[in-house]
Amino acid sequence: MLALTQQILLIPAFLHFWTGDTLAAWLAIYAAGNLVIVADAGVQLRAINRFFAFKSCVDCDRRTASFFAGMMHIYIRIVVALGLMLVLSVQLFPPAAVLGFQGTPTFDSAMLVITLGTLVALPVNLVSGLYRVHGKYGRAVWTQNVALVLGQVAQLVAIASVGTLVAVASAFVFAQIVSAIFLLAYDAPRQFPLLRRGRVRRSRILSWRWSLGQFVHAFPFALANVTELALVNAPVLLVSVLVADRVAVAQWGLTRVIASLVRALCIQVALPLAPELGHDYAIGDKERLGRLYAHGSVFVTALACLIVAGLLPFWPDFFALWTHGSIPYDAPLAVTLLLGSALVAPSLLALVFANHSNRRNLLVRTKGLQLIAFLIMSALLIPRLGPLGAAIAIVASDVLTQFGILTLVIVRQTLAHPLRHMLVLTAVMVTIMLGGWGLGLAIRALMPGTGLLRFLAECAIWVVVVAAAASPLLMERVRGRVLAAIPN
């Protein structure tokens, strides 16, 4: 909900004070800030796997505290080194000139603020990983939620009072930095007193060999995360560089927002399943593993298809209201991105499961091929087709590699009847997508009026009809039959 607020509801407020060109600049800055997260380099997932391994050790607390302290020194080195590189690179290669926003005031300063701020908050990933392993992940999530709320309020105040990009960027990152400091300095030592006792040996702090070893073990996870973040954020920057029309850049960024949110929601739904799947995989409980994976895969797929089926018919009306008609709607672009978000949904559970079951070779092979395929297709298609070329590159690289390789391998290794499972997923996709999309088109055709009231009435009717169709699932007996019908 807070992601929707940040990337959907704040856009009309921004357009009230900014032009379309300035909004395009903000979308590029926001994407660059998100892209900085790749600096984690897979270290968080490496730490999570080690924390899990320490649970079976006799001296679990001591080893956890020592490893935590050592990894924190690595994070500090990352922040200092990359922070200096960011400052230097902005001076040598001004982002406004590189991305084509020379006429936008304070663009370079805003880019530096949001990238440096995101980098400074990076060490909180280590705390978040520790919380996840020990069943306290909710504390980190709630702290981040509070920070998001405060940051969004601060952005509205900043744009209304100052109106510059650098003011909005500062408001966005300030709350993130405060929440990171709270978790690192106060909450984590309070929740885990063992961290106060954790003292890493000086030889380990100074040992570049030990630090390099952590990066080597983290490389597969880093490659997977780099590819995911690149697919979400890099296209915004690529389109900014390769497409001269600033309105087209804003159009691309706004359309990409909703597809990225669908993808992010699927990952968030899959994340709580990942530790359970990793645990069952580690202890060899194949029956429970297969059942949980099959049910989780169908659930994530059904959720993504239901959201996309509701977005496809009503997105044109919403887009016009959302942008006040100042940015034209591109139907092929929206349909390509939204359908791609639904098609890739099953592969997102496979991805988080691979991360939590240490499938290093599979991750390196799949995500490496996906990144290469995406970059090649982007270079070939964006100059010719513009934003639509970027959308095709994203969807094609997802389907060919992450779904065609990673998902099929995981399903074949996890389930006894992989072909039957894929047929069930296909049936779920087709049924929900065609049913929801067709229902929405019928409602749009029959609904009179114009404007916001018509749009809200269309959405309300669609939700009521879909809820009525899904209401039998409220009965335990029906749910049991549905789950029993899923091959695992």
Protein backbone atom coordinates (compact mmCIF):
# COMPACT_ATOMS: atom_id res chain seq x y z
CA MET A 1 0.00 0.00 0.00
CA LEU A 2 2.82 2.40 0.83
CA ALA A 3 4.57 1.54 -2.43
CA LEU A 4 1.33 2.39 -4.22
CA THR A 5 1.20 5.68 -2.35
CA GLN A 6 4.80 6.55 -3.27
CA GLN A 7 4.61 5.65 -6.94
CA ILE A 8 0.92 6.17 -7.73
CA LEU A 9 -0.80 8.67 -5.45
CA LEU A 10 2.10 11.11 -5.19
CA ILE A 11 2.37 11.46 -8.98
CA PRO A 12 -0.71 13.76 -9.32
CA ALA A 13 0.69 15.94 -6.53
CA PHE A 14 4.03 16.14 -8.32
CA LEU A 15 2.32 17.03 -11.61
CA HIS A 16 0.42 19.81 -9.83
CA PHE A 17 3.72 21.56 -9.09
CA TRP A 18 5.99 20.19 -11.81
CA THR A 19 5.93 19.87 -15.59
CA GLY A 20 6.13 16.52 -17.36
CA ASP A 21 9.86 17.07 -17.98
CA THR A 22 10.55 17.58 -14.28
CA LEU A 23 8.50 14.49 -13.42
CA ALA A 24 10.55 12.49 -15.93
CA ALA A 25 13.68 13.77 -14.18
CA TRP A 26 12.33 12.67 -10.77
CA LEU A 27 11.48 9.19 -12.10
CA ALA A 28 15.06 8.85 -13.39
CA ILE A 29 16.46 10.02 -10.04
CA TYR A 30 14.18 7.64 -8.12
CA ALA A 31 15.25 4.73 -10.35
CA ALA A 32 18.93 5.59 -9.80
CA GLY A 33 18.38 5.58 -6.04
CA ASN A 34 16.81 2.13 -6.21
CA LEU A 35 19.62 0.92 -8.43
CA VAL A 36 22.20 1.79 -5.75
CA ILE A 37 20.91 -1.19 -3.76
CA VAL A 38 23.03 -3.40 -6.04
CA ALA A 39 25.97 -2.19 -3.93
CA ASP A 40 24.89 -4.84 -1.40
CA ALA A 41 26.57 -7.28 -3.81
CA GLY A 42 24.67 -10.27 -2.42
CA VAL A 43 26.27 -9.85 1.00
CA GLN A 44 22.87 -9.86 2.77
CA LEU A 45 21.87 -13.26 1.35
CA ARG A 46 25.36 -14.62 2.10
CA ALA A 47 24.90 -13.48 5.71
CA ILE A 48 21.41 -15.01 5.91
CA ASN A 49 22.74 -18.41 4.81
CA ARG A 50 25.54 -18.23 7.37
CA PHE A 51 23.15 -17.22 10.17
CA PHE A 52 21.01 -20.25 9.29
CA ALA A 53 24.09 -22.49 9.38
CA PHE A 54 25.13 -21.20 12.82
CA LYS A 55 21.82 -22.39 14.29
CA SER A 56 23.08 -25.96 14.28
CA CYS A 57 26.35 -25.01 16.04
CA VAL A 58 26.93 -25.38 19.77
CA ASP A 59 28.37 -21.85 20.04
CA CYS A 60 25.65 -20.29 17.87
CA ASP A 61 25.54 -16.92 19.65
CA ARG A 62 29.28 -16.35 19.65
CA ARG A 63 29.70 -17.27 15.99
CA THR A 64 26.68 -15.20 14.98
CA ALA A 65 27.96 -12.14 16.85
CA SER A 66 31.49 -12.51 15.46
CA PHE A 67 30.26 -12.97 11.89
CA PHE A 68 27.85 -10.03 12.26
CA ALA A 69 30.67 -7.76 13.40
CA GLY A 70 32.92 -8.86 10.53
CA MET A 71 30.20 -8.33 7.93
CA MET A 72 29.39 -4.91 9.37
CA HIS A 73 32.97 -3.84 8.72
CA ILE A 74 32.55 -5.00 5.12
CA TYR A 75 29.40 -2.90 4.78
CA ILE A 76 31.20 0.15 6.18
CA ARG A 77 33.99 -0.30 3.63
CA ILE A 78 31.42 -0.57 0.84
CA VAL A 79 29.68 2.63 1.92
CA VAL A 80 32.91 4.64 2.27
CA ALA A 81 34.48 3.44 -0.98
CA LEU A 82 31.38 3.74 -3.15
CA GLY A 83 30.40 7.03 -1.53
CA LEU A 84 33.71 8.59 -2.57
CA MET A 85 33.31 7.12 -6.06
CA LEU A 86 29.80 8.56 -6.36
CA VAL A 87 30.91 12.06 -5.40
CA LEU A 88 33.83 11.91 -7.82
CA SER A 89 31.75 10.50 -10.70
CA VAL A 90 29.09 13.20 -10.32
CA GLN A 91 31.80 15.82 -10.60
CA LEU A 92 33.44 14.23 -13.64
CA PHE A 93 30.27 13.07 -15.43
CA PRO A 94 27.31 15.27 -14.46
CA PRO A 95 24.16 13.06 -14.50
CA ALA A 96 22.09 15.83 -16.10
CA ALA A 97 24.33 15.83 -19.16
CA VAL A 98 24.51 12.03 -19.37
CA LEU A 99 20.74 11.48 -19.02
CA GLY A 100 19.61 14.49 -21.04
CA PHE A 101 18.22 16.70 -18.26
CA GLN A 102 20.52 19.71 -18.66
CA GLY A 103 17.58 22.11 -18.43
CA THR A 104 16.27 20.73 -15.13
CA PRO A 105 17.47 22.72 -12.08
CA THR A 106 19.19 20.89 -9.18
CA PHE A 107 19.13 17.56 -11.07
CA ASP A 108 22.75 16.70 -10.29
CA SER A 109 22.40 17.62 -6.60
CA ALA A 110 19.21 15.58 -6.26
CA MET A 111 20.86 12.58 -7.92
CA LEU A 112 23.80 12.78 -5.52
CA VAL A 113 21.54 13.16 -2.47
CA ILE A 114 19.32 10.18 -3.26
CA THR A 115 22.17 7.85 -4.28
CA LEU A 116 24.38 8.76 -1.31
CA GLY A 117 21.44 8.56 1.10
CA THR A 118 20.47 5.10 -0.14
CA LEU A 119 24.10 4.00 0.14
CA VAL A 120 24.44 5.26 3.72
CA ALA A 121 21.37 3.25 4.76
CA LEU A 122 22.73 0.06 3.14
CA PRO A 123 24.17 -1.57 6.35
CA VAL A 124 20.62 -2.00 7.66
CA ASN A 125 20.40 -4.97 5.24
CA LEU A 126 22.57 -6.97 7.64
CA VAL A 127 20.20 -6.30 10.54
CA SER A 128 17.22 -7.13 8.34
CA GLY A 129 18.81 -10.47 7.46
CA LEU A 130 19.41 -11.31 11.12
CA TYR A 131 15.82 -10.45 11.97
CA ARG A 132 14.54 -12.68 9.15
CA VAL A 133 16.54 -15.69 10.33
CA HIS A 134 15.37 -15.32 13.95
CA GLY A 135 11.68 -14.67 13.25
CA LYS A 136 11.74 -10.93 13.95
CA TYR A 137 11.49 -9.70 10.37
CA GLY A 138 8.23 -7.94 11.15
CA ARG A 139 10.06 -5.42 13.36
CA ALA A 140 12.28 -4.34 10.48
CA VAL A 141 9.31 -4.13 8.11
CA TRP A 142 7.24 -2.00 10.48
CA THR A 143 10.16 0.35 11.06
CA GLN A 144 10.58 0.74 7.31
CA ASN A 145 6.83 1.33 6.95
CA VAL A 146 6.94 4.19 9.44
CA ALA A 147 9.92 5.65 7.57
CA LEU A 148 8.04 5.43 4.26
CA VAL A 149 5.02 7.23 5.70
CA LEU A 150 7.14 10.01 7.18
CA GLY A 151 9.16 10.26 3.98
CA GLN A 152 6.05 10.62 1.83
CA VAL A 153 4.62 13.33 4.06
CA ALA A 154 8.00 15.10 3.95
CA GLN A 155 8.03 14.89 0.13
CA LEU A 156 4.64 16.60 -0.06
CA VAL A 157 5.81 19.33 2.31
CA ALA A 158 9.05 19.75 0.33
CA ILE A 159 7.38 20.05 -3.07
CA ALA A 160 4.72 22.45 -1.77
CA SER A 161 7.15 24.69 0.12
CA VAL A 162 10.38 24.50 -1.91
CA GLY A 163 9.45 22.70 -5.10
CA THR A 164 12.93 21.63 -6.18
CA LEU A 165 14.12 18.13 -7.00
CA VAL A 166 16.84 18.26 -4.38
CA ALA A 167 14.33 19.13 -1.65
CA VAL A 168 12.08 16.19 -2.54
CA ALA A 169 15.06 13.83 -2.80
CA SER A 170 16.34 14.97 0.61
CA ALA A 171 12.92 14.40 2.18
CA PHE A 172 12.78 10.91 0.68
CA VAL A 173 16.15 9.69 1.95
CA PHE A 174 16.16 11.42 5.34
CA ALA A 175 13.49 9.14 6.78
CA GLN A 176 15.28 6.06 5.38
CA ILE A 177 18.54 7.06 7.06
CA VAL A 178 16.81 7.72 10.40
CA SER A 179 15.10 4.30 10.33
CA ALA A 180 18.42 2.61 9.50
CA ILE A 181 20.14 4.34 12.42
CA PHE A 182 17.29 3.29 14.74
CA LEU A 183 17.58 -0.37 13.77
CA LEU A 184 21.38 -0.46 13.80
CA ALA A 185 22.11 1.54 16.93
CA TYR A 186 19.09 0.88 19.14
CA ASP A 187 16.72 -1.91 18.18
CA ALA A 188 19.14 -4.62 17.02
CA PRO A 189 21.37 -4.54 20.16
CA ARG A 190 18.18 -4.54 22.27
CA GLN A 191 16.64 -7.51 20.46
CA PHE A 192 19.93 -9.43 20.25
CA PRO A 193 22.14 -8.76 23.31
CA LEU A 194 24.64 -11.16 21.77
CA LEU A 195 25.61 -8.39 19.33
CA ARG A 196 26.98 -6.32 22.23
CA ARG A 197 29.27 -9.21 23.07
CA GLY A 198 30.29 -9.71 19.46
CA ARG A 199 33.90 -8.81 18.91
CA VAL A 200 35.47 -9.65 15.61
CA ARG A 201 39.18 -10.43 15.71
CA ARG A 202 41.43 -7.62 14.53
CA SER A 203 43.08 -10.07 12.13
CA ARG A 204 39.69 -10.65 10.49
CA ILE A 205 38.98 -6.91 10.21
CA LEU A 206 42.32 -6.38 8.46
CA SER A 207 42.12 -9.60 6.44
CA TRP A 208 41.34 -8.75 2.84
CA ARG A 209 41.41 -12.48 2.13
CA TRP A 210 38.47 -13.11 4.48
CA SER A 211 36.55 -10.13 3.10
CA LEU A 212 37.21 -11.21 -0.48
CA GLY A 213 36.00 -14.69 0.42
CA GLN A 214 32.66 -13.29 1.53
CA PHE A 215 32.24 -11.50 -1.79
CA VAL A 216 33.15 -14.67 -3.69
CA HIS A 217 30.49 -16.65 -1.83
CA ALA A 218 28.00 -13.80 -2.31
CA PHE A 219 28.61 -13.46 -6.06
CA PRO A 220 25.74 -15.70 -7.26
CA PHE A 221 23.27 -13.81 -5.07
CA ALA A 222 24.76 -10.51 -6.21
CA LEU A 223 24.28 -11.43 -9.86
CA ALA A 224 20.67 -12.44 -9.22
CA ASN A 225 19.90 -9.22 -7.36
CA VAL A 226 21.71 -7.03 -9.90
CA THR A 227 19.62 -8.52 -12.69
CA GLU A 228 16.36 -8.05 -10.79
CA LEU A 229 17.13 -4.44 -9.92
CA ALA A 230 18.39 -3.79 -13.45
CA LEU A 231 15.14 -5.06 -14.97
CA VAL A 232 13.14 -2.73 -12.72
CA ASN A 233 15.25 0.44 -12.74
CA ALA A 234 17.85 0.37 -15.53
CA PRO A 235 15.26 0.62 -18.36
CA VAL A 236 14.18 4.03 -17.02
CA LEU A 237 17.75 5.27 -17.36
CA LEU A 238 18.29 3.56 -20.72
CA VAL A 239 15.17 5.15 -22.18
CA SER A 240 16.27 8.53 -20.78
CA VAL A 241 19.59 8.20 -22.62
CA LEU A 242 18.37 6.67 -25.90
CA VAL A 243 15.01 8.44 -26.39
CA ALA A 244 15.07 12.17 -27.09
CA ASP A 245 11.37 12.83 -26.41
CA ARG A 246 11.05 13.72 -22.71
CA VAL A 247 7.29 13.10 -22.77
CA ALA A 248 7.95 9.56 -23.99
CA VAL A 249 10.41 9.12 -21.10
CA ALA A 250 7.74 10.22 -18.60
CA GLN A 251 5.19 8.00 -20.33
CA TRP A 252 7.55 5.03 -20.05
CA GLY A 253 8.40 5.73 -16.42
CA LEU A 254 4.76 6.01 -15.36
CA THR A 255 3.69 2.86 -17.21
CA ARG A 256 6.68 0.97 -15.85
CA VAL A 257 5.70 1.94 -12.30
CA ILE A 258 2.61 -0.25 -12.20
CA ALA A 259 4.33 -3.26 -13.79
CA SER A 260 7.18 -2.93 -11.28
CA LEU A 261 4.69 -2.81 -8.42
CA VAL A 262 3.04 -6.05 -9.59
CA ARG A 263 6.46 -7.70 -9.69
CA ALA A 264 7.43 -6.30 -6.28
CA LEU A 265 4.15 -7.49 -4.75
CA CYS A 266 4.74 -11.03 -6.03
CA ILE A 267 8.23 -11.03 -4.52
CA GLN A 268 6.88 -9.75 -1.19
CA VAL A 269 4.27 -12.52 -1.17
CA ALA A 270 6.93 -15.10 -2.01
CA LEU A 271 9.48 -13.93 0.59
CA PRO A 272 7.70 -15.39 3.65
CA LEU A 273 7.57 -18.76 1.86
CA ALA A 274 11.29 -18.73 1.05
CA PRO A 275 12.67 -19.60 4.55
CA GLU A 276 10.10 -22.41 4.88
CA LEU A 277 11.07 -23.82 1.49
CA GLY A 278 14.77 -23.48 2.29
CA HIS A 279 14.28 -25.27 5.62
CA ASP A 280 12.39 -28.18 4.04
CA TYR A 281 15.02 -28.42 1.31
CA ALA A 282 17.85 -28.48 3.86
CA ILE A 283 16.35 -31.27 5.99
CA GLY A 284 15.21 -33.29 2.98
CA ASP A 285 11.45 -33.20 3.66
CA LYS A 286 10.51 -33.63 0.00
CA GLU A 287 6.81 -34.21 0.60
CA ARG A 288 6.25 -30.99 2.53
CA LEU A 289 8.59 -29.11 0.20
CA GLY A 290 6.67 -30.19 -2.89
CA ARG A 291 3.30 -29.39 -1.34
CA LEU A 292 4.33 -25.94 -0.12
CA TYR A 293 6.03 -25.04 -3.39
CA ALA A 294 3.10 -26.16 -5.54
CA HIS A 295 0.53 -24.29 -3.42
CA GLY A 296 2.73 -21.21 -3.18
CA SER A 297 3.39 -21.14 -6.92
CA VAL A 298 -0.32 -21.29 -7.76
CA PHE A 299 -1.11 -18.62 -5.15
CA VAL A 300 1.52 -16.15 -6.39
CA THR A 301 0.47 -16.74 -10.00
CA ALA A 302 -3.23 -16.34 -9.26
CA LEU A 303 -2.62 -13.14 -7.30
CA ALA A 304 -0.53 -11.58 -10.09
CA CYS A 305 -3.03 -12.57 -12.79
CA LEU A 306 -5.96 -11.21 -10.76
CA ILE A 307 -4.26 -7.84 -10.31
CA VAL A 308 -3.26 -7.61 -13.97
CA ALA A 309 -6.73 -8.70 -15.11
CA GLY A 310 -8.18 -5.78 -13.15
CA LEU A 311 -5.56 -3.30 -14.36
CA LEU A 312 -5.77 -4.02 -18.09
CA PRO A 313 -9.34 -2.79 -18.75
CA PHE A 314 -9.28 0.19 -16.36
CA TRP A 315 -5.68 1.40 -16.72
CA PRO A 316 -6.46 3.82 -19.63
CA ASP A 317 -9.11 5.62 -17.55
CA PHE A 318 -6.87 5.72 -14.50
CA PHE A 319 -3.87 6.92 -16.53
CA ALA A 320 -5.86 9.89 -17.88
CA LEU A 321 -7.03 10.85 -14.39
CA TRP A 322 -3.63 10.16 -12.87
CA THR A 323 -1.71 12.45 -15.23
CA HIS A 324 -4.50 15.04 -15.66
CA GLY A 325 -4.38 14.23 -19.38
CA SER A 326 -0.95 15.85 -19.71
CA ILE A 327 0.80 12.62 -20.80
CA PRO A 328 -0.71 10.44 -23.57
CA TYR A 329 -1.59 6.81 -22.95
CA ASP A 330 0.34 4.12 -24.86
CA ALA A 331 -1.81 0.99 -25.09
CA PRO A 332 0.77 -1.43 -26.63
CA LEU A 333 3.33 -0.41 -24.00
CA ALA A 334 0.92 -0.91 -21.08
CA VAL A 335 -0.42 -4.24 -22.34
CA THR A 336 3.09 -5.60 -22.99
CA LEU A 337 4.36 -4.70 -19.52
CA LEU A 338 1.27 -5.89 -17.64
CA LEU A 339 0.99 -9.20 -19.49
CA GLY A 340 4.71 -9.72 -18.92
CA SER A 341 4.23 -9.16 -15.19
CA ALA A 342 1.62 -11.92 -15.08
CA LEU A 343 3.68 -14.35 -17.19
CA VAL A 344 6.77 -14.01 -15.00
CA ALA A 345 4.92 -14.46 -11.68
CA PRO A 346 5.67 -18.22 -11.25
CA SER A 347 9.37 -17.59 -11.78
CA LEU A 348 9.57 -15.15 -8.86
CA LEU A 349 8.83 -17.88 -6.30
CA ALA A 350 11.42 -20.06 -8.05
CA LEU A 351 13.91 -17.20 -7.75
CA VAL A 352 13.48 -16.64 -4.00
CA PHE A 353 13.55 -20.41 -3.41
CA ALA A 354 16.83 -20.67 -5.36
CA ASN A 355 18.28 -17.87 -3.22
CA HIS A 356 17.33 -19.70 -0.01
CA SER A 357 18.48 -23.15 -1.13
CA ASN A 358 21.99 -22.10 -2.23
CA ARG A 359 21.53 -22.91 -5.95
CA ARG A 360 24.63 -20.93 -6.85
CA ASN A 361 25.41 -22.45 -10.24
CA LEU A 362 21.79 -22.23 -11.37
CA LEU A 363 21.54 -18.58 -10.29
CA VAL A 364 24.77 -17.59 -12.02
CA ARG A 365 23.82 -19.34 -15.25
CA THR A 366 20.25 -18.08 -15.39
CA LYS A 367 20.63 -14.51 -14.19
CA GLY A 368 23.83 -14.00 -16.16
CA LEU A 369 22.10 -15.05 -19.38
CA GLN A 370 19.08 -12.93 -18.50
CA LEU A 371 21.17 -9.80 -17.96
CA ILE A 372 23.07 -10.33 -21.21
CA ALA A 373 19.86 -10.99 -23.15
CA PHE A 374 18.21 -7.89 -21.69
CA LEU A 375 21.15 -5.60 -22.51
CA ILE A 376 21.50 -6.92 -26.07
CA MET A 377 17.78 -6.64 -26.83
CA SER A 378 17.63 -3.18 -25.24
CA ALA A 379 20.48 -1.95 -27.41
CA LEU A 380 18.78 -3.33 -30.51
CA LEU A 381 15.15 -2.44 -29.81
CA ILE A 382 15.09 0.85 -27.86
CA PRO A 383 16.63 2.97 -30.66
CA ARG A 384 14.08 1.52 -33.12
CA LEU A 385 10.91 1.16 -31.03
CA GLY A 386 11.54 3.53 -28.13
CA PRO A 387 9.90 2.60 -24.79
CA LEU A 388 8.06 -0.32 -26.42
CA GLY A 389 11.44 -1.82 -27.29
CA ALA A 390 12.48 -1.63 -23.64
CA ALA A 391 9.23 -3.35 -22.61
CA ILE A 392 9.79 -6.16 -25.13
CA ALA A 393 13.38 -6.59 -23.93
CA ILE A 394 12.24 -6.93 -20.31
CA VAL A 395 9.44 -9.40 -21.01
CA ALA A 396 11.43 -11.49 -23.51
CA SER A 397 14.48 -11.82 -21.23
CA ASP A 398 12.19 -12.82 -18.35
CA VAL A 399 10.31 -15.46 -20.32
CA LEU A 400 13.34 -16.93 -22.11
CA THR A 401 15.70 -17.22 -19.15
CA GLN A 402 14.10 -16.79 -15.73
CA PHE A 403 10.99 -18.75 -16.70
CA GLY A 404 12.48 -20.94 -19.44
CA ILE A 405 15.52 -22.03 -17.42
CA LEU A 406 15.28 -21.22 -13.71
CA THR A 407 11.60 -22.02 -13.16
CA LEU A 408 11.59 -25.20 -15.22
CA VAL A 409 14.70 -26.53 -13.46
CA ILE A 410 13.33 -25.73 -9.99
CA VAL A 411 9.93 -27.26 -10.77
CA ARG A 412 11.51 -30.40 -12.23
CA GLN A 413 13.77 -30.86 -9.20
CA THR A 414 11.07 -30.07 -6.63
CA LEU A 415 7.84 -31.64 -7.88
CA ALA A 416 7.03 -35.22 -8.84
CA HIS A 417 4.78 -34.14 -11.72
CA PRO A 418 6.29 -30.95 -13.17
CA LEU A 419 4.35 -31.12 -16.45
CA ARG A 420 1.01 -31.38 -14.67
CA HIS A 421 1.96 -28.44 -12.45
CA MET A 422 2.86 -26.25 -15.45
CA LEU A 423 -0.45 -27.15 -17.10
CA VAL A 424 -2.31 -26.12 -13.94
CA LEU A 425 -0.43 -22.81 -13.85
CA THR A 426 -1.29 -22.19 -17.51
CA ALA A 427 -4.97 -22.93 -16.85
CA VAL A 428 -4.97 -20.58 -13.85
CA MET A 429 -3.37 -17.80 -15.91
CA VAL A 430 -5.73 -18.13 -18.87
CA THR A 431 -8.88 -18.43 -16.76
CA ILE A 432 -8.19 -15.49 -14.47
CA MET A 433 -6.71 -13.21 -17.14
CA LEU A 434 -9.39 -13.73 -19.78
CA GLY A 435 -12.22 -13.74 -17.23
CA GLY A 436 -11.11 -10.60 -15.39
CA TRP A 437 -10.11 -8.70 -18.52
CA GLY A 438 -13.33 -9.58 -20.33
CA LEU A 439 -15.41 -8.62 -17.31
CA GLY A 440 -13.67 -5.25 -17.12
CA LEU A 441 -14.20 -4.53 -20.82
CA ALA A 442 -17.89 -5.39 -20.50
CA ILE A 443 -18.27 -3.07 -17.50
CA ARG A 444 -16.52 -0.23 -19.36
CA ALA A 445 -18.78 -0.68 -22.35
CA LEU A 446 -21.98 -0.59 -20.28
CA MET A 447 -21.06 2.07 -17.72
CA PRO A 448 -22.31 5.58 -18.60
CA GLY A 449 -20.72 8.88 -17.58
CA THR A 450 -17.16 10.19 -17.49
CA GLY A 451 -14.49 11.23 -15.06
CA LEU A 452 -13.57 10.06 -11.58
CA LEU A 453 -17.06 8.88 -10.54
CA ARG A 454 -17.33 6.63 -13.58
CA PHE A 455 -13.89 5.16 -12.93
CA LEU A 456 -14.65 4.46 -9.26
CA ALA A 457 -18.00 2.88 -10.18
CA GLU A 458 -16.31 0.62 -12.77
CA CYS A 459 -13.73 -0.56 -10.25
CA ALA A 460 -16.33 -1.12 -7.52
CA ILE A 461 -18.53 -3.23 -9.79
CA TRP A 462 -15.55 -5.29 -10.95
CA VAL A 463 -14.41 -5.93 -7.37
CA VAL A 464 -17.92 -6.95 -6.27
CA VAL A 465 -18.35 -9.41 -9.15
CA VAL A 466 -14.89 -10.94 -8.66
CA ALA A 467 -15.42 -11.20 -4.89
CA ALA A 468 -18.75 -12.98 -5.47
CA ALA A 469 -17.09 -15.41 -7.88
CA ALA A 470 -14.31 -16.14 -5.36
CA SER A 471 -16.59 -16.33 -2.31
CA PRO A 472 -16.82 -20.16 -2.30
CA LEU A 473 -13.15 -20.17 -1.27
CA LEU A 474 -14.26 -18.84 2.12
CA MET A 475 -15.57 -22.33 2.87
CA GLU A 476 -12.91 -24.63 4.27
CA ARG A 477 -14.23 -27.65 2.41
CA VAL A 478 -13.97 -25.89 -0.95
CA ARG A 479 -10.48 -24.63 -0.16
CA GLY A 480 -9.42 -28.13 0.75
CA ARG A 481 -10.67 -29.50 -2.55
CA VAL A 482 -8.92 -26.77 -4.51
CA LEU A 483 -5.63 -27.41 -2.72
CA ALA A 484 -6.00 -31.16 -3.17
CA ALA A 485 -6.46 -30.65 -6.92
CA ILE A 486 -3.08 -28.92 -7.23
CA PRO A 487 -0.46 -31.53 -8.26
CA ASN A 488 2.58 -31.56 -5.98
